[in-house]
């Protein structure tokens, strides 16, 4: 099963990073206020990027690596548009 790491920009400019199998459904849940606690307090403004991984383990490792980046580095990762190859290796 394919998993994704995704980055959301919130209305206050902060960034949220998560993993999901269906990013569109997960983003919709965040938008309805049914997602993570963070996005309930910081509603999402837009989906910045999604990166594909072969399994949950690889996605979790990449999510952790991305969460260690500075906000500027996260935004640069999203802008690069290079797909999963641009995300830190799991």
Protein backbone atom coordinates (compact mmCIF):
# COMPACT_ATOMS: atom_id res chain seq x y z
CA UNK A 1 0.00 0.00 0.00
CA UNK A 2 1.31 3.44 -0.93
CA UNK A 3 1.60 6.05 1.82
CA UNK A 4 2.13 9.79 1.52
CA UNK A 5 3.76 12.49 3.62
CA UNK A 6 1.93 15.78 3.15
CA UNK A 7 2.51 19.37 4.20
CA UNK A 8 -0.29 21.84 4.89
CA UNK A 9 0.00 25.59 5.26
CA UNK A 10 -2.37 26.83 7.95
CA UNK A 11 -4.25 30.14 7.88
CA UNK A 12 -1.78 31.62 10.39
CA UNK A 13 1.17 30.71 8.12
CA UNK A 14 2.33 27.76 10.21
CA UNK A 15 3.06 24.38 8.62
CA UNK A 16 1.64 20.97 9.48
CA UNK A 17 3.22 17.68 8.36
CA UNK A 18 1.38 14.36 8.42
CA UNK A 19 1.05 10.99 6.71
CA UNK A 20 -1.95 9.35 5.03
CA UNK A 21 -2.97 6.82 2.44
CA UNK A 22 -5.56 9.19 0.93
CA UNK A 23 -4.23 12.73 1.21
CA UNK A 24 -7.30 14.38 -0.30
CA UNK A 25 -9.62 12.70 2.22
CA UNK A 26 -7.26 13.52 5.09
CA UNK A 27 -7.02 17.17 4.01
CA UNK A 28 -10.83 17.33 3.84
CA UNK A 29 -10.97 15.97 7.41
CA UNK A 30 -8.53 18.66 8.55
CA UNK A 31 -10.62 21.32 6.77
CA UNK A 32 -13.79 20.10 8.55
CA UNK A 33 -12.04 20.34 11.92
CA UNK A 34 -11.95 16.56 12.27
CA UNK A 35 -8.23 16.11 11.69
CA UNK A 36 -5.32 16.46 14.07
CA UNK A 37 -5.55 18.59 17.19
CA UNK A 38 -3.05 21.04 15.66
CA UNK A 39 -5.19 21.71 12.59
CA UNK A 40 -8.28 22.16 14.75
CA UNK A 41 -6.51 25.09 16.41
CA UNK A 42 -4.76 26.21 13.19
CA UNK A 43 -7.20 25.61 10.30
CA UNK A 44 -5.61 24.63 6.99
CA UNK A 45 -5.34 27.17 4.18
CA UNK A 46 -3.89 24.91 1.46
CA UNK A 47 -2.08 21.69 0.74
CA UNK A 48 1.53 22.54 -0.10
CA UNK A 49 2.94 19.17 -1.13
CA UNK A 50 2.66 15.41 -0.97
CA UNK A 51 5.46 12.88 -1.26
CA UNK A 52 4.87 9.20 -2.04
CA UNK A 53 6.43 6.31 -0.11
CA UNK A 54 6.13 2.55 -0.60
CA UNK A 55 4.94 1.75 2.92
CA UNK A 56 3.91 3.23 6.27
CA UNK A 57 7.33 2.74 7.83
CA UNK A 58 9.10 4.73 5.12
CA UNK A 59 6.46 7.48 5.34
CA UNK A 60 6.83 7.72 9.12
CA UNK A 61 10.61 8.01 8.83
CA UNK A 62 10.31 10.71 6.17
CA UNK A 63 7.68 12.56 8.23
CA UNK A 64 10.06 12.60 11.19
CA UNK A 65 12.92 13.88 9.02
CA UNK A 66 10.75 16.62 7.53
CA UNK A 67 9.52 17.69 10.97
CA UNK A 68 13.17 18.27 11.95
CA UNK A 69 13.57 20.86 9.18
CA UNK A 70 13.16 24.58 9.69
CA UNK A 71 9.99 26.17 8.28
CA UNK A 72 12.08 27.75 5.50
CA UNK A 73 13.57 24.37 4.58
CA UNK A 74 10.09 22.79 4.57
CA UNK A 75 8.84 25.50 2.21
CA UNK A 76 11.88 25.02 -0.05
CA UNK A 77 11.15 21.29 -0.13
CA UNK A 78 7.59 22.03 -1.25
CA UNK A 79 8.68 24.55 -3.88
CA UNK A 80 11.24 22.20 -5.37
CA UNK A 81 8.39 20.12 -6.79
CA UNK A 82 10.77 17.22 -7.22
CA UNK A 83 8.33 14.76 -5.65
CA UNK A 84 9.36 12.03 -3.25
CA UNK A 85 12.95 12.25 -4.40
CA UNK A 86 13.17 15.70 -2.82
CA UNK A 87 11.99 14.52 0.57
CA UNK A 88 14.58 13.38 3.08
CA UNK A 89 15.38 9.73 2.66
CA UNK A 90 13.56 7.46 5.10
